[in-house]
Every structure is written in C-alpha cells, then in structure tokens.
Amino acid sequence: MGRPNEILKKNFYVNLGSKQGVKEGVVLDVYRNISRNDPYKNKKTYHHKVKIGELEVLHTEGENAIASLKKILAETETAPLFEISKFMIGDKVSVKID
C-alpha cells in the first residue's frame, strides 16, 4: 500500500536518555549480535557484533529517547546479509563516538 519509492517515516524508541548524557542531535550506532555454529570444527559457536545502521536523537528524557532513521548499512552492497535488514527489537544501541 502506498506510492512506489515512498519513504515511510518512523520514530524509534530507545532505552538511552538524558541520564546517560544523550541529547538532541546525537547520533546512535545500532548493532546486531549474530551467532553462528561452525558445522565442520567441533561445532564451535562464533559471535559477531555487526553495525547495521544509525539513528539521530530527536527528543530525550530521563532514561529514554525518540530517534529517527539516519542510515541503514544493511542495504549497501558491502554489508553482510541479514534475514531482517531493518532495525528490530533486540538490536543494541550505543552513542556514536568519532
């Protein structure tokens, strides 16, 4: 439903806020933890923390903030393939440090 190539706007609610030093305009990195088993060598499990995108904070309060989409890296040609390329519950968020 909608128009072709329509970009839907969406707010993201995160568990970081002014108590953690987050202010309006701060960029947040979004990571996904991925675990995979090696079927060939003693079934060892490998854990990966992969950056999938960025959010920009629009509003902040004590321990939470509202952010908007800044960038999704999972949709670029050089990104790893994800079953779900958009942000989802369980993704980890941290303040971007340059």
N, C-alpha and C. Protein backbone atom coordinates (compact mmCIF):
# COMPACT_ATOMS: atom_id res chain seq x y z
N MET A 1 0.84 -1.15 0.00
CA MET A 1 0.00 0.00 0.00
C MET A 1 0.90 1.24 0.00
N GLY A 2 0.49 2.25 -0.70
CA GLY A 2 1.29 3.46 -0.77
C GLY A 2 1.78 3.70 -2.19
N ARG A 3 2.66 4.67 -2.32
CA ARG A 3 3.21 5.01 -3.63
C ARG A 3 4.53 4.29 -3.86
N PRO A 4 4.87 4.02 -5.14
CA PRO A 4 6.19 3.43 -5.43
C PRO A 4 7.30 4.36 -4.94
N ASN A 5 8.36 3.78 -4.40
CA ASN A 5 9.53 4.51 -3.90
C ASN A 5 9.20 5.45 -2.74
N GLU A 6 8.07 5.26 -2.11
CA GLU A 6 7.69 6.10 -0.98
C GLU A 6 8.56 5.73 0.23
N ILE A 7 9.10 6.72 0.91
CA ILE A 7 9.90 6.50 2.10
C ILE A 7 9.03 6.81 3.32
N LEU A 8 8.78 5.77 4.10
CA LEU A 8 7.94 5.94 5.28
C LEU A 8 8.78 6.48 6.43
N LYS A 9 8.23 7.45 7.15
CA LYS A 9 8.92 8.00 8.31
C LYS A 9 8.47 7.23 9.54
N LYS A 10 9.42 6.97 10.43
CA LYS A 10 9.12 6.18 11.60
C LYS A 10 9.98 6.67 12.76
N ASN A 11 9.40 6.71 13.95
CA ASN A 11 10.16 7.01 15.15
C ASN A 11 10.67 5.72 15.77
N PHE A 12 11.83 5.80 16.39
CA PHE A 12 12.40 4.67 17.11
C PHE A 12 12.56 5.09 18.56
N TYR A 13 12.18 4.21 19.47
CA TYR A 13 12.22 4.49 20.90
C TYR A 13 13.34 3.65 21.51
N VAL A 14 14.30 4.32 22.16
CA VAL A 14 15.47 3.63 22.68
C VAL A 14 15.59 3.85 24.18
N ASN A 15 16.28 2.92 24.84
CA ASN A 15 16.45 2.96 26.29
C ASN A 15 17.74 3.67 26.68
N LEU A 16 18.01 4.80 26.08
CA LEU A 16 19.09 5.71 26.45
C LEU A 16 18.46 7.08 26.55
N GLY A 17 18.88 7.87 27.52
CA GLY A 17 18.28 9.19 27.65
C GLY A 17 19.22 10.19 28.27
N SER A 18 18.65 11.27 28.81
CA SER A 18 19.46 12.35 29.37
C SER A 18 20.29 11.89 30.56
N LYS A 19 19.84 10.89 31.30
CA LYS A 19 20.65 10.36 32.42
C LYS A 19 21.95 9.73 31.94
N GLN A 20 21.97 9.25 30.70
CA GLN A 20 23.18 8.68 30.12
C GLN A 20 23.95 9.71 29.29
N GLY A 21 23.50 10.96 29.30
CA GLY A 21 24.19 12.02 28.58
C GLY A 21 23.76 12.20 27.14
N VAL A 22 22.68 11.56 26.73
CA VAL A 22 22.19 11.67 25.36
C VAL A 22 21.39 12.96 25.21
N LYS A 23 21.68 13.72 24.16
CA LYS A 23 20.98 14.98 23.89
C LYS A 23 20.43 14.96 22.47
N GLU A 24 19.55 15.92 22.15
CA GLU A 24 19.01 16.03 20.80
C GLU A 24 20.16 16.23 19.81
N GLY A 25 20.06 15.55 18.67
CA GLY A 25 21.07 15.66 17.63
C GLY A 25 22.17 14.63 17.72
N VAL A 26 22.26 13.90 18.84
CA VAL A 26 23.29 12.87 18.99
C VAL A 26 22.99 11.71 18.05
N VAL A 27 24.03 11.16 17.45
CA VAL A 27 23.88 10.01 16.56
C VAL A 27 24.15 8.73 17.36
N LEU A 28 23.26 7.75 17.19
CA LEU A 28 23.38 6.46 17.86
C LEU A 28 23.72 5.38 16.84
N ASP A 29 24.69 4.53 17.17
CA ASP A 29 25.01 3.37 16.34
C ASP A 29 24.10 2.22 16.75
N VAL A 30 23.63 1.47 15.77
CA VAL A 30 22.77 0.31 16.03
C VAL A 30 23.51 -0.94 15.58
N TYR A 31 23.63 -1.91 16.51
CA TYR A 31 24.34 -3.15 16.25
C TYR A 31 23.40 -4.33 16.41
N ARG A 32 23.73 -5.43 15.72
CA ARG A 32 23.00 -6.67 15.90
C ARG A 32 24.01 -7.76 16.26
N ASN A 33 23.68 -8.53 17.29
CA ASN A 33 24.50 -9.67 17.67
C ASN A 33 24.06 -10.88 16.86
N ILE A 34 25.02 -11.51 16.19
CA ILE A 34 24.73 -12.68 15.36
C ILE A 34 25.61 -13.83 15.85
N SER A 35 25.01 -14.97 16.08
CA SER A 35 25.76 -16.16 16.49
C SER A 35 25.57 -17.25 15.45
N ARG A 36 26.67 -17.87 15.06
CA ARG A 36 26.64 -18.96 14.07
C ARG A 36 27.52 -20.11 14.54
N ASN A 37 27.06 -21.33 14.28
CA ASN A 37 27.83 -22.52 14.61
C ASN A 37 28.67 -22.94 13.42
N ASP A 38 29.89 -23.39 13.70
CA ASP A 38 30.75 -23.94 12.67
C ASP A 38 30.46 -25.44 12.58
N PRO A 39 29.84 -25.90 11.49
CA PRO A 39 29.46 -27.32 11.42
C PRO A 39 30.64 -28.26 11.16
N TYR A 40 31.82 -27.73 10.88
CA TYR A 40 32.95 -28.56 10.50
C TYR A 40 33.94 -28.79 11.63
N LYS A 41 34.20 -27.81 12.44
CA LYS A 41 35.19 -27.92 13.51
C LYS A 41 34.49 -27.91 14.86
N ASN A 42 34.38 -29.04 15.47
CA ASN A 42 33.81 -29.26 16.81
C ASN A 42 32.65 -28.35 17.20
N LYS A 43 31.85 -27.95 16.23
CA LYS A 43 30.60 -27.22 16.47
C LYS A 43 30.81 -25.92 17.26
N LYS A 44 31.95 -25.29 17.11
CA LYS A 44 32.23 -24.04 17.83
C LYS A 44 31.26 -22.96 17.39
N THR A 45 30.83 -22.13 18.34
CA THR A 45 29.92 -21.02 18.06
C THR A 45 30.72 -19.73 17.96
N TYR A 46 30.47 -18.98 16.90
CA TYR A 46 31.12 -17.69 16.70
C TYR A 46 30.09 -16.59 16.90
N HIS A 47 30.49 -15.54 17.63
CA HIS A 47 29.60 -14.43 17.91
C HIS A 47 30.13 -13.19 17.19
N HIS A 48 29.24 -12.49 16.50
CA HIS A 48 29.60 -11.28 15.76
C HIS A 48 28.71 -10.13 16.22
N LYS A 49 29.31 -8.96 16.38
CA LYS A 49 28.57 -7.73 16.68
C LYS A 49 28.72 -6.86 15.44
N VAL A 50 27.65 -6.75 14.65
CA VAL A 50 27.71 -6.10 13.35
C VAL A 50 26.89 -4.81 13.37
N LYS A 51 27.50 -3.71 12.94
CA LYS A 51 26.78 -2.44 12.87
C LYS A 51 25.82 -2.50 11.69
N ILE A 52 24.55 -2.17 11.95
CA ILE A 52 23.57 -2.22 10.87
C ILE A 52 23.00 -0.86 10.51
N GLY A 53 23.29 0.17 11.32
CA GLY A 53 22.78 1.48 10.95
C GLY A 53 23.00 2.54 12.02
N GLU A 54 22.36 3.69 11.79
CA GLU A 54 22.48 4.82 12.70
C GLU A 54 21.11 5.50 12.89
N LEU A 55 20.91 6.02 14.09
CA LEU A 55 19.72 6.80 14.43
C LEU A 55 20.17 8.18 14.90
N GLU A 56 19.30 9.18 14.71
CA GLU A 56 19.58 10.52 15.23
C GLU A 56 18.50 10.87 16.25
N VAL A 57 18.93 11.31 17.44
CA VAL A 57 18.02 11.59 18.54
C VAL A 57 17.24 12.88 18.26
N LEU A 58 15.91 12.78 18.41
CA LEU A 58 15.01 13.93 18.22
C LEU A 58 14.57 14.53 19.55
N HIS A 59 14.39 13.66 20.55
CA HIS A 59 13.87 14.09 21.85
C HIS A 59 14.43 13.14 22.90
N THR A 60 14.76 13.67 24.07
CA THR A 60 15.29 12.81 25.13
C THR A 60 14.69 13.18 26.48
N GLU A 61 14.54 12.18 27.32
CA GLU A 61 14.10 12.36 28.70
C GLU A 61 15.00 11.50 29.57
N GLY A 62 14.64 11.30 30.82
CA GLY A 62 15.47 10.59 31.79
C GLY A 62 16.22 9.38 31.27
N GLU A 63 15.50 8.31 30.98
CA GLU A 63 16.16 7.06 30.57
C GLU A 63 15.67 6.58 29.21
N ASN A 64 15.12 7.48 28.40
CA ASN A 64 14.67 7.06 27.07
C ASN A 64 14.74 8.23 26.10
N ALA A 65 14.70 7.89 24.82
CA ALA A 65 14.78 8.92 23.78
C ALA A 65 13.97 8.48 22.57
N ILE A 66 13.61 9.46 21.75
CA ILE A 66 12.95 9.21 20.48
C ILE A 66 13.95 9.58 19.40
N ALA A 67 14.13 8.70 18.43
CA ALA A 67 15.12 8.93 17.37
C ALA A 67 14.50 8.66 16.01
N SER A 68 15.15 9.16 14.97
CA SER A 68 14.72 8.91 13.60
C SER A 68 15.85 8.22 12.84
N LEU A 69 15.48 7.57 11.78
CA LEU A 69 16.45 6.85 10.95
C LEU A 69 17.42 7.81 10.29
N LYS A 70 18.70 7.54 10.42
CA LYS A 70 19.72 8.33 9.75
C LYS A 70 20.32 7.52 8.60
N LYS A 71 20.64 6.24 8.86
CA LYS A 71 21.27 5.42 7.83
C LYS A 71 21.08 3.94 8.15
N ILE A 72 20.79 3.14 7.12
CA ILE A 72 20.77 1.68 7.27
C ILE A 72 21.90 1.12 6.42
N LEU A 73 22.89 0.54 7.09
CA LEU A 73 24.05 0.00 6.39
C LEU A 73 23.75 -1.35 5.75
N ALA A 74 22.74 -2.05 6.25
CA ALA A 74 22.42 -3.39 5.74
C ALA A 74 21.94 -3.35 4.30
N GLU A 75 21.59 -2.18 3.79
CA GLU A 75 21.09 -2.09 2.43
C GLU A 75 22.19 -1.70 1.43
N THR A 76 23.44 -1.59 1.89
CA THR A 76 24.55 -1.27 0.99
C THR A 76 25.12 -2.55 0.40
N GLU A 77 25.86 -2.43 -0.68
CA GLU A 77 26.41 -3.60 -1.36
C GLU A 77 27.47 -4.33 -0.55
N THR A 78 28.18 -3.62 0.31
CA THR A 78 29.28 -4.23 1.05
C THR A 78 28.88 -4.77 2.42
N ALA A 79 27.63 -4.65 2.79
CA ALA A 79 27.16 -5.11 4.10
C ALA A 79 26.90 -6.61 4.09
N PRO A 80 27.06 -7.26 5.24
CA PRO A 80 26.68 -8.67 5.34
C PRO A 80 25.18 -8.82 5.10
N LEU A 81 24.76 -10.00 4.71
CA LEU A 81 23.34 -10.26 4.50
C LEU A 81 22.67 -10.55 5.84
N PHE A 82 21.51 -9.97 6.05
CA PHE A 82 20.72 -10.19 7.26
C PHE A 82 19.37 -10.76 6.86
N GLU A 83 18.81 -11.61 7.71
CA GLU A 83 17.47 -12.10 7.45
C GLU A 83 16.49 -10.93 7.47
N ILE A 84 16.68 -10.02 8.41
CA ILE A 84 15.86 -8.81 8.50
C ILE A 84 16.83 -7.63 8.45
N SER A 85 16.75 -6.83 7.39
CA SER A 85 17.71 -5.75 7.20
C SER A 85 17.35 -4.47 7.94
N LYS A 86 16.12 -4.35 8.39
CA LYS A 86 15.69 -3.17 9.13
C LYS A 86 15.98 -3.36 10.62
N PHE A 87 15.89 -2.28 11.40
CA PHE A 87 16.09 -2.37 12.84
C PHE A 87 14.98 -3.20 13.46
N MET A 88 15.31 -3.90 14.55
CA MET A 88 14.31 -4.72 15.21
C MET A 88 14.55 -4.75 16.71
N ILE A 89 13.56 -5.20 17.45
CA ILE A 89 13.69 -5.32 18.90
C ILE A 89 14.84 -6.28 19.18
N GLY A 90 15.69 -5.88 20.11
CA GLY A 90 16.84 -6.72 20.48
C GLY A 90 18.14 -6.18 19.91
N ASP A 91 18.08 -5.29 18.92
CA ASP A 91 19.30 -4.66 18.42
C ASP A 91 19.87 -3.79 19.53
N LYS A 92 21.18 -3.68 19.57
CA LYS A 92 21.87 -2.90 20.60
C LYS A 92 22.18 -1.51 20.09
N VAL A 93 22.04 -0.51 20.96
CA VAL A 93 22.24 0.88 20.59
C VAL A 93 23.32 1.47 21.49
N SER A 94 24.22 2.24 20.90
CA SER A 94 25.24 2.95 21.67
C SER A 94 25.50 4.31 21.02
N VAL A 95 26.05 5.22 21.81
CA VAL A 95 26.34 6.57 21.30
C VAL A 95 27.51 6.48 20.34
N LYS A 96 27.38 7.11 19.18
CA LYS A 96 28.45 7.10 18.18
C LYS A 96 29.60 7.98 18.66
N ILE A 97 30.78 7.42 18.63
CA ILE A 97 31.99 8.15 19.02
C ILE A 97 32.89 8.22 17.81
N ASP A 98 33.21 9.44 17.38
CA ASP A 98 34.06 9.61 16.20
C ASP A 98 35.52 9.65 16.57
